[in-house]
Protein backbone atom coordinates (compact mmCIF):
# COMPACT_ATOMS: atom_id res chain seq x y z
CA MET A 1 133.52 -61.06 -71.94
CA SER A 2 133.96 -59.21 -68.68
CA LYS A 3 136.69 -61.56 -67.48
CA ILE A 4 140.17 -61.83 -68.97
CA LEU A 5 142.89 -64.19 -67.80
CA ILE A 6 146.42 -63.15 -68.70
CA ARG A 7 148.29 -66.41 -68.32
CA GLY A 8 152.02 -66.71 -67.64
CA ALA A 9 152.93 -63.01 -67.54
CA ARG A 10 156.08 -61.77 -65.82
CA VAL A 11 154.61 -59.03 -63.63
CA LEU A 12 157.20 -56.21 -63.48
CA GLY A 13 159.68 -58.66 -64.95
CA GLY A 14 159.34 -61.22 -62.15
CA GLU A 15 158.43 -64.89 -62.31
CA PRO A 16 155.49 -65.88 -64.56
CA GLN A 17 152.06 -65.51 -62.95
CA ASP A 18 148.43 -65.37 -63.97
CA VAL A 19 146.47 -62.13 -63.74
CA LEU A 20 142.68 -62.23 -63.75
CA ILE A 21 140.74 -59.13 -64.80
CA ASP A 22 137.07 -58.91 -63.88
CA GLY A 23 135.33 -55.88 -65.34
CA GLU A 24 137.41 -52.79 -64.64
CA VAL A 25 139.65 -54.20 -61.92
CA VAL A 26 142.26 -56.87 -61.30
CA GLU A 27 140.52 -59.66 -59.40
CA ALA A 28 143.49 -61.88 -58.62
CA VAL A 29 147.20 -62.40 -59.23
CA GLY A 30 148.73 -65.84 -58.70
CA SER A 31 149.65 -69.19 -60.18
CA GLY A 32 147.20 -71.58 -61.77
CA LEU A 33 144.19 -69.26 -61.71
CA SER A 34 140.99 -70.68 -63.17
CA ALA A 35 140.15 -69.62 -66.71
CA GLU A 36 136.47 -70.56 -66.37
CA GLY A 37 134.30 -67.94 -68.03
CA ALA A 38 137.29 -65.84 -69.02
CA GLU A 39 138.90 -64.87 -72.29
CA VAL A 40 142.47 -66.19 -72.12
CA VAL A 41 145.51 -64.22 -73.26
CA GLU A 42 148.61 -66.41 -73.40
CA ALA A 43 151.42 -64.15 -72.25
CA ASP A 44 154.17 -66.76 -72.67
CA GLY A 45 156.57 -64.93 -70.37
CA LYS A 46 155.95 -61.44 -71.71
CA VAL A 47 156.41 -58.60 -69.20
CA LEU A 48 153.25 -57.14 -67.68
CA LEU A 49 153.46 -53.54 -66.51
CA PRO A 50 150.96 -51.06 -65.11
CA GLY A 51 149.64 -48.86 -67.91
CA LEU A 52 152.22 -46.24 -68.80
CA VAL A 53 151.61 -42.57 -67.97
CA ASP A 54 153.09 -39.75 -70.07
CA LEU A 55 153.38 -36.42 -68.30
CA HIS A 56 154.35 -34.58 -71.49
CA THR A 57 152.32 -35.11 -74.68
CA HIS A 58 151.32 -32.71 -77.45
CA LEU A 59 147.93 -33.69 -78.88
CA ARG A 60 147.62 -30.44 -80.92
CA GLU A 61 143.81 -30.32 -80.75
CA PRO A 62 142.26 -27.77 -80.83
CA GLY A 63 143.81 -25.85 -83.71
CA ARG A 64 146.48 -28.07 -85.27
CA GLU A 65 144.48 -31.10 -86.26
CA ASP A 66 146.69 -31.44 -89.35
CA SER A 67 149.42 -32.65 -86.96
CA GLU A 68 147.42 -34.70 -84.45
CA THR A 69 144.02 -34.98 -82.83
CA VAL A 70 142.98 -36.28 -79.45
CA LEU A 71 141.71 -39.40 -81.22
CA THR A 72 144.87 -40.14 -83.21
CA GLY A 73 147.12 -39.16 -80.32
CA THR A 74 145.37 -41.45 -77.85
CA ARG A 75 145.45 -44.28 -80.39
CA ALA A 76 149.20 -43.75 -80.63
CA ALA A 77 149.36 -43.76 -76.84
CA ALA A 78 147.52 -47.08 -76.60
CA SER A 79 149.85 -48.54 -79.24
CA GLY A 80 152.79 -47.56 -77.07
CA GLY A 81 151.33 -49.02 -73.87
CA PHE A 82 150.07 -45.77 -72.34
CA THR A 83 146.76 -45.61 -70.50
CA ALA A 84 147.00 -41.91 -69.52
CA VAL A 85 148.63 -38.86 -71.08
CA PHE A 86 148.92 -35.24 -70.00
CA ALA A 87 148.17 -32.91 -72.91
CA MET A 88 150.29 -29.77 -73.16
CA ALA A 89 148.65 -26.36 -73.37
CA ASN A 90 150.22 -24.96 -76.57
CA THR A 91 147.13 -25.48 -78.68
CA PHE A 92 145.16 -22.91 -80.74
CA PRO A 93 143.47 -21.44 -78.79
CA VAL A 94 145.89 -21.92 -75.91
CA ALA A 95 144.59 -24.01 -73.01
CA ASP A 96 144.65 -21.07 -70.61
CA THR A 97 140.98 -21.05 -69.58
CA ALA A 98 138.58 -23.49 -67.97
CA GLY A 99 136.65 -23.73 -71.24
CA VAL A 100 139.57 -24.93 -73.35
CA VAL A 101 140.90 -27.47 -70.83
CA GLU A 102 137.40 -28.88 -70.43
CA GLN A 103 137.14 -29.22 -74.21
CA VAL A 104 140.34 -31.28 -74.33
CA TRP A 105 139.27 -33.34 -71.31
CA ARG A 106 135.88 -34.14 -72.86
CA LEU A 107 137.47 -35.12 -76.18
CA GLY A 108 139.63 -37.56 -74.27
CA ARG A 109 136.62 -39.06 -72.52
CA GLU A 110 134.76 -39.43 -75.83
CA HIS A 111 137.52 -41.30 -77.66
CA GLY A 112 138.48 -43.72 -74.92
CA TYR A 113 141.84 -45.10 -76.08
CA CYS A 114 143.49 -43.60 -73.00
CA ASP A 115 142.69 -41.04 -70.35
CA VAL A 116 143.60 -37.46 -71.25
CA GLN A 117 144.46 -34.98 -68.52
CA PRO A 118 144.90 -31.43 -69.81
CA ILE A 119 147.83 -29.32 -68.67
CA GLY A 120 146.90 -25.67 -68.20
CA ALA A 121 149.00 -22.76 -69.40
CA VAL A 122 150.88 -20.79 -66.76
CA THR A 123 150.41 -17.47 -68.56
CA VAL A 124 147.76 -16.04 -70.85
CA GLY A 125 148.48 -17.03 -74.42
CA LEU A 126 151.86 -18.47 -73.33
CA GLU A 127 153.10 -14.89 -73.55
CA GLY A 128 154.77 -14.84 -70.15
CA ARG A 129 153.18 -11.57 -69.05
CA LYS A 130 150.10 -12.39 -67.00
CA LEU A 131 149.04 -15.46 -65.03
CA ALA A 132 146.34 -17.54 -66.67
CA GLU A 133 143.19 -18.70 -64.85
CA LEU A 134 145.04 -21.30 -62.75
CA GLY A 135 142.38 -21.59 -60.07
CA ALA A 136 139.50 -21.79 -62.54
CA MET A 137 141.23 -24.51 -64.53
CA HIS A 138 141.87 -26.49 -61.35
CA GLU A 139 138.24 -26.14 -60.25
CA SER A 140 136.87 -27.07 -63.69
CA ALA A 141 135.64 -30.53 -64.64
CA ALA A 142 139.16 -31.22 -65.95
CA GLY A 143 140.64 -30.73 -62.47
CA VAL A 144 143.95 -29.40 -63.77
CA THR A 145 146.90 -29.87 -61.39
CA VAL A 146 149.85 -29.40 -63.79
CA PHE A 147 150.58 -26.07 -65.45
CA SER A 148 153.16 -25.34 -68.12
CA ASP A 149 153.97 -22.90 -70.92
CA ASP A 150 155.94 -25.70 -72.59
CA GLY A 151 157.30 -24.61 -75.91
CA LYS A 152 158.17 -21.38 -74.16
CA CYS A 153 159.96 -20.67 -70.91
CA VAL A 154 158.38 -18.72 -68.07
CA ASP A 155 161.46 -16.51 -68.05
CA ASP A 156 160.13 -13.72 -65.81
CA ALA A 157 161.17 -14.60 -62.25
CA VAL A 158 158.30 -12.64 -60.71
CA ILE A 159 155.69 -14.45 -62.84
CA MET A 160 157.29 -17.80 -62.02
CA ARG A 161 157.26 -17.01 -58.32
CA ARG A 162 153.59 -15.98 -58.43
CA ALA A 163 152.67 -19.17 -60.29
CA LEU A 164 154.45 -21.32 -57.71
CA GLU A 165 152.66 -19.46 -54.91
CA TYR A 166 149.28 -19.83 -56.59
CA VAL A 167 149.44 -23.58 -57.27
CA LYS A 168 150.75 -24.28 -53.78
CA ALA A 169 147.27 -23.54 -52.43
CA PHE A 170 145.82 -26.65 -54.10
CA GLY A 171 148.92 -28.84 -54.37
CA GLY A 172 149.54 -28.17 -58.04
CA VAL A 173 152.86 -28.16 -59.86
CA VAL A 174 154.47 -25.84 -62.40
CA ALA A 175 156.29 -27.71 -65.17
CA GLN A 176 159.02 -25.48 -66.57
CA HIS A 177 160.42 -25.48 -70.09
CA ALA A 178 163.90 -24.35 -69.08
CA GLN A 179 165.24 -22.16 -71.87
CA GLU A 180 166.64 -18.69 -71.27
CA PRO A 181 165.37 -16.94 -74.43
CA ARG A 182 168.14 -14.36 -74.76
CA LEU A 183 170.79 -17.09 -74.72
CA THR A 184 169.07 -19.10 -77.46
CA GLU A 185 168.19 -16.44 -80.02
CA GLY A 186 168.82 -17.93 -83.46
CA ALA A 187 169.94 -21.25 -81.97
CA GLN A 188 169.59 -24.28 -84.24
CA MET A 189 171.33 -27.09 -82.33
CA ASN A 190 173.48 -27.86 -79.32
CA GLU A 191 176.39 -25.44 -78.89
CA GLY A 192 179.63 -27.37 -79.20
CA VAL A 193 182.12 -28.88 -81.59
CA VAL A 194 179.49 -30.06 -84.09
CA SER A 195 177.67 -26.71 -84.24
CA ALA A 196 181.00 -24.95 -84.81
CA GLU A 197 181.93 -27.31 -87.63
CA LEU A 198 178.49 -27.05 -89.28
CA GLY A 199 178.17 -23.31 -88.82
CA LEU A 200 174.79 -23.58 -87.12
CA GLY A 201 173.72 -21.31 -84.28
CA GLY A 202 174.58 -22.94 -80.97
CA TRP A 203 172.17 -23.64 -78.09
CA PRO A 204 174.31 -23.52 -74.94
CA ALA A 205 173.74 -25.86 -72.03
CA VAL A 206 173.77 -22.89 -69.67
CA ALA A 207 170.54 -21.61 -71.24
CA GLU A 208 168.80 -24.60 -69.66
CA GLU A 209 170.87 -24.86 -66.50
CA SER A 210 170.53 -21.22 -65.44
CA VAL A 211 166.71 -21.38 -65.51
CA ILE A 212 166.66 -24.65 -63.56
CA ALA A 213 168.95 -23.16 -60.92
CA ARG A 214 166.72 -20.11 -60.56
CA ASP A 215 163.52 -22.12 -60.39
CA VAL A 216 164.63 -24.65 -57.79
CA LEU A 217 165.64 -21.71 -55.57
CA LEU A 218 162.26 -20.06 -56.17
CA ALA A 219 160.50 -23.33 -55.32
CA GLU A 220 162.51 -23.56 -52.11
CA HIS A 221 161.68 -19.95 -51.21
CA VAL A 222 157.96 -20.43 -51.86
CA GLY A 223 157.74 -23.99 -50.53
CA SER A 224 156.06 -25.18 -53.69
CA ARG A 225 156.48 -27.94 -56.28
CA VAL A 226 158.39 -27.43 -59.53
CA HIS A 227 158.86 -29.97 -62.32
CA ILE A 228 161.61 -29.68 -64.94
CA CYS A 229 160.54 -30.66 -68.45
CA HIS A 230 162.85 -32.55 -70.85
CA LEU A 231 166.08 -32.10 -68.89
CA SER A 232 168.95 -32.58 -71.36
CA THR A 233 172.41 -31.72 -69.97
CA ALA A 234 174.87 -33.15 -67.48
CA GLY A 235 174.96 -29.77 -65.74
CA SER A 236 171.18 -29.80 -65.30
CA VAL A 237 171.47 -33.21 -63.65
CA GLU A 238 173.93 -31.83 -61.09
CA ILE A 239 171.67 -28.87 -60.27
CA VAL A 240 168.66 -31.13 -59.71
CA ARG A 241 170.76 -33.51 -57.63
CA TRP A 242 171.94 -30.59 -55.48
CA ALA A 243 168.38 -29.28 -55.10
CA LYS A 244 167.09 -32.65 -53.96
CA SER A 245 169.91 -32.90 -51.43
CA ARG A 246 168.58 -29.66 -49.90
CA GLY A 247 165.06 -31.06 -49.69
CA ILE A 248 163.65 -28.85 -52.44
CA ASP A 249 160.44 -30.27 -53.91
CA VAL A 250 161.68 -30.68 -57.49
CA THR A 251 161.04 -33.45 -59.98
CA ALA A 252 162.50 -33.86 -63.45
CA GLU A 253 161.88 -35.75 -66.64
CA VAL A 254 164.04 -36.98 -69.53
CA THR A 255 162.81 -37.88 -73.01
CA PRO A 256 163.63 -41.16 -74.72
CA HIS A 257 165.43 -39.35 -77.55
CA HIS A 258 167.76 -37.59 -75.13
CA LEU A 259 168.63 -41.02 -73.68
CA LEU A 260 169.72 -42.36 -77.06
CA LEU A 261 170.55 -39.73 -79.70
CA THR A 262 173.38 -37.18 -79.87
CA ASP A 263 174.16 -34.00 -81.78
CA GLU A 264 176.43 -35.98 -84.12
CA LEU A 265 173.25 -36.93 -86.02
CA VAL A 266 172.75 -33.29 -87.02
CA ARG A 267 175.67 -33.68 -89.44
CA SER A 268 173.09 -35.21 -91.81
CA TYR A 269 171.10 -31.93 -91.77
CA ASN A 270 168.00 -34.11 -91.55
CA PRO A 271 165.32 -31.98 -89.82
CA VAL A 272 163.91 -35.07 -88.13
CA TYR A 273 166.71 -34.56 -85.58
CA LYS A 274 165.73 -30.96 -84.86
CA VAL A 275 164.18 -30.79 -81.42
CA ASN A 276 163.80 -28.49 -78.41
CA PRO A 277 165.89 -28.84 -76.30
CA PRO A 278 168.43 -29.99 -78.89
CA LEU A 279 170.18 -33.32 -79.00
CA ARG A 280 173.26 -33.02 -76.80
CA THR A 281 176.62 -34.81 -76.54
CA GLU A 282 177.53 -38.39 -75.69
CA ARG A 283 178.66 -37.16 -72.26
CA ASP A 284 175.23 -35.68 -71.62
CA VAL A 285 173.50 -38.88 -72.76
CA HIS A 286 175.49 -40.98 -70.29
CA ALA A 287 174.82 -38.49 -67.47
CA LEU A 288 171.08 -38.60 -68.19
CA ARG A 289 171.02 -42.40 -68.16
CA GLU A 290 172.87 -42.57 -64.86
CA ALA A 291 170.59 -39.92 -63.33
CA LEU A 292 167.47 -41.78 -64.42
CA ALA A 293 168.90 -44.96 -62.92
CA ASP A 294 169.77 -43.39 -59.56
CA GLY A 295 166.50 -41.44 -59.27
CA THR A 296 167.88 -37.93 -59.72
CA ILE A 297 165.70 -37.80 -62.82
CA ASP A 298 162.29 -39.05 -61.72
CA ILE A 299 160.53 -40.03 -64.91
CA VAL A 300 160.63 -40.63 -68.64
CA ALA A 301 158.24 -38.40 -70.62
CA THR A 302 157.89 -38.57 -74.39
CA ASP A 303 157.46 -34.90 -75.37
CA HIS A 304 155.50 -36.41 -78.27
CA ALA A 305 155.53 -33.52 -80.75
CA PRO A 306 153.79 -34.36 -84.02
CA HIS A 307 154.20 -32.20 -87.14
CA PRO A 308 152.76 -32.49 -90.66
CA HIS A 309 155.10 -33.64 -93.41
CA GLU A 310 155.66 -30.18 -94.87
CA ASP A 311 156.92 -28.81 -91.54
CA LYS A 312 159.78 -31.32 -91.52
CA ASP A 313 160.40 -31.95 -95.22
CA CYS A 314 162.27 -28.70 -95.73
CA GLU A 315 165.65 -27.10 -95.07
CA TRP A 316 167.00 -27.35 -91.52
CA ALA A 317 166.59 -23.67 -90.57
CA ALA A 318 162.91 -23.59 -91.56
CA ALA A 319 161.93 -26.93 -90.03
CA ALA A 320 159.75 -27.22 -86.94
CA MET A 321 161.24 -28.64 -83.75
CA GLY A 322 159.98 -31.88 -82.33
CA MET A 323 159.64 -35.64 -82.68
CA VAL A 324 156.82 -38.13 -82.22
CA GLY A 325 157.52 -40.54 -79.40
CA LEU A 326 154.52 -42.31 -77.90
CA GLU A 327 154.84 -45.45 -80.01
CA THR A 328 158.59 -45.93 -79.57
CA ALA A 329 159.19 -44.70 -76.00
CA LEU A 330 159.19 -48.07 -74.26
CA SER A 331 161.46 -49.62 -76.89
CA VAL A 332 164.01 -46.83 -76.49
CA VAL A 333 163.91 -47.18 -72.71
CA GLN A 334 164.47 -50.93 -73.04
CA GLU A 335 167.42 -50.29 -75.38
CA THR A 336 169.08 -47.62 -73.24
CA MET A 337 168.18 -48.60 -69.68
CA VAL A 338 167.06 -52.23 -69.40
CA ASP A 339 169.30 -53.95 -71.92
CA THR A 340 172.26 -52.00 -70.53
CA GLY A 341 171.51 -53.17 -66.99
CA LEU A 342 170.81 -49.69 -65.63
CA LEU A 343 167.16 -50.43 -64.78
CA ASP A 344 165.07 -53.55 -64.32
CA TRP A 345 161.43 -53.71 -65.38
CA ALA A 346 160.25 -52.72 -61.90
CA GLY A 347 162.36 -49.59 -62.34
CA VAL A 348 160.75 -48.94 -65.71
CA ALA A 349 157.32 -49.24 -64.10
CA ASP A 350 158.39 -46.68 -61.52
CA ARG A 351 159.79 -44.18 -64.05
CA MET A 352 157.04 -44.58 -66.64
CA SER A 353 153.92 -45.29 -64.57
CA PHE A 354 154.02 -44.99 -60.78
CA THR A 355 155.97 -41.74 -60.49
CA PRO A 356 154.48 -39.75 -63.40
CA ALA A 357 151.01 -40.67 -62.11
CA ARG A 358 151.99 -39.43 -58.66
CA ILE A 359 153.47 -36.15 -59.93
CA GLY A 360 150.41 -35.41 -62.07
CA ARG A 361 147.89 -36.97 -59.66
CA ALA A 362 146.43 -39.22 -62.34
CA GLN A 363 143.62 -40.98 -60.53
CA GLY A 364 143.49 -44.75 -61.08
CA HIS A 365 146.83 -44.86 -62.89
CA GLY A 366 150.29 -45.83 -61.74
CA ARG A 367 148.83 -48.45 -59.42
CA PRO A 368 150.32 -51.85 -58.47
CA VAL A 369 149.37 -54.92 -60.47
CA SER A 370 147.43 -56.49 -57.62
CA ALA A 371 143.93 -57.53 -56.61
CA GLY A 372 141.42 -54.69 -56.32
CA GLU A 373 143.42 -52.24 -58.44
CA PRO A 374 142.16 -50.71 -61.71
CA ALA A 375 143.00 -52.92 -64.69
CA ASN A 376 145.18 -50.38 -66.52
CA LEU A 377 147.85 -52.67 -67.90
CA THR A 378 150.29 -53.19 -70.76
CA LEU A 379 151.88 -56.41 -71.97
CA VAL A 380 155.31 -56.23 -73.60
CA ASP A 381 157.12 -58.76 -75.76
CA THR A 382 160.64 -57.90 -74.60
CA ALA A 383 162.26 -60.56 -76.81
CA TYR A 384 161.03 -58.90 -80.00
CA ARG A 385 163.44 -56.85 -82.09
CA GLY A 386 162.52 -55.10 -85.31
CA GLN A 387 162.91 -52.02 -87.47
CA VAL A 388 160.79 -48.95 -86.81
CA ASP A 389 158.37 -48.32 -89.67
CA PRO A 390 156.44 -45.05 -89.24
CA ALA A 391 154.01 -46.09 -91.98
CA GLY A 392 152.39 -48.28 -89.36
CA PHE A 393 152.06 -45.56 -86.71
CA ALA A 394 148.67 -44.67 -85.28
CA SER A 395 149.79 -41.05 -84.90
CA ARG A 396 148.75 -38.67 -87.66
CA SER A 397 152.38 -37.55 -88.01
CA ARG A 398 155.49 -39.50 -89.00
CA ASN A 399 158.36 -37.32 -87.75
CA THR A 400 160.26 -40.04 -85.92
CA PRO A 401 164.06 -40.08 -85.65
CA TYR A 402 164.04 -43.89 -85.52
CA GLU A 403 162.79 -44.77 -89.02
CA GLY A 404 164.62 -47.89 -90.16
CA ARG A 405 166.40 -48.27 -86.83
CA GLU A 406 166.21 -51.62 -85.07
CA LEU A 407 164.81 -51.38 -81.55
CA PRO A 408 163.85 -54.01 -78.98
CA GLY A 409 160.47 -54.72 -77.45
CA ARG A 410 156.92 -54.48 -78.72
CA VAL A 411 153.72 -53.69 -76.85
CA THR A 412 151.25 -56.44 -77.72
CA HIS A 413 148.29 -55.61 -75.45
CA THR A 414 146.99 -52.56 -73.60
CA TRP A 415 143.99 -52.54 -71.26
CA LEU A 416 142.22 -49.41 -70.04
CA ARG A 417 140.05 -50.22 -67.02
CA GLY A 418 139.79 -53.80 -68.23
CA LYS A 419 138.88 -52.92 -71.81
CA ALA A 420 141.38 -53.99 -74.44
CA THR A 421 142.52 -51.05 -76.55
CA LEU A 422 145.37 -52.99 -78.20
CA VAL A 423 145.29 -56.73 -78.95
CA ASP A 424 148.20 -58.57 -80.59
CA GLY A 425 149.67 -55.25 -81.61
CA LYS A 426 146.47 -54.03 -83.27
CA LEU A 427 144.15 -51.29 -82.03
CA THR A 428 140.61 -52.39 -81.23
């Protein structure tokens, strides 16, 4: 059927309404809409949001298909309520040419569980020495607007300045992985009381904060846009807040795991908690939540980082860094932000759909749930509460820090341009 009536949904957490989808667009929003000729989905007061947009996803293809593929990654995205994801460039080969970003873009179009927008590398091979083909990637069929060496920091100030100058010409943005490499050599976890007690190499907050401070000043000097990936410390929050007060064009993201988990979990030596940047302190967690609530931090991004079992089932020092996050992101945000009263569901829609779509210029995504808009939607059972079981994940990898943990909320339906990709919690 081309028509779908979602009956009794709380749009952005408001009063129950009906939403009629006709083909690829929302035809009407109101009360008592006719169901004639339409497939009916009884929402029963579930929350209806615009399809979520993730500005920071690792799909691993090409080159690390043992961890994830575009197909499995977009299936995971649909399961988590996402209708668009931005795929990071640290693939093999690196997405530093028009050819590679077009390959990723076409794979996304072929599989269809969500839209895939490639992120181009800032430097050739992520080596930080020479600018990649930024203009060619932007002019390619993929139309790249976001560039990042994520996984590595663009630590050379001259290279970073040149990148900001280059992307300014077409309104692009450089997304920085803020990690001063000399300050984090041999680092295994957050530098603090726990690292001292465990005898693990510490990762100081200043390694992140110093790069952010430099880059917001460079962005101000150039008059360009800079985006801060996975901001994780209270000090970083204050720098971004200061930069915004000066009118600097900076945006920032926080991951779900940095909103919930702390470095105390590393006492277990379980490598599932090893991540870059590392889990920080309770003080940092509270600062991040408050900053997301007041808009200093603009968005939530998953930093979905899948790894095969053998890369995590090993001793701490040898384990890879990263966590999967697409399928649990909304639940963690509900736990940390909505159920605590820091954000309402309209705020969640802003931080996880409207604003990331705007930053990345994701066409057709992050749009209001209203007549004439693309039918990219997700329906959430906010009353649900259950334990996380990675055995049921759509992702190829299982490296979640939430296994066995009880979290609220469950995405029941996802629609991409009116086509159901998830129905009653099951992929189509």
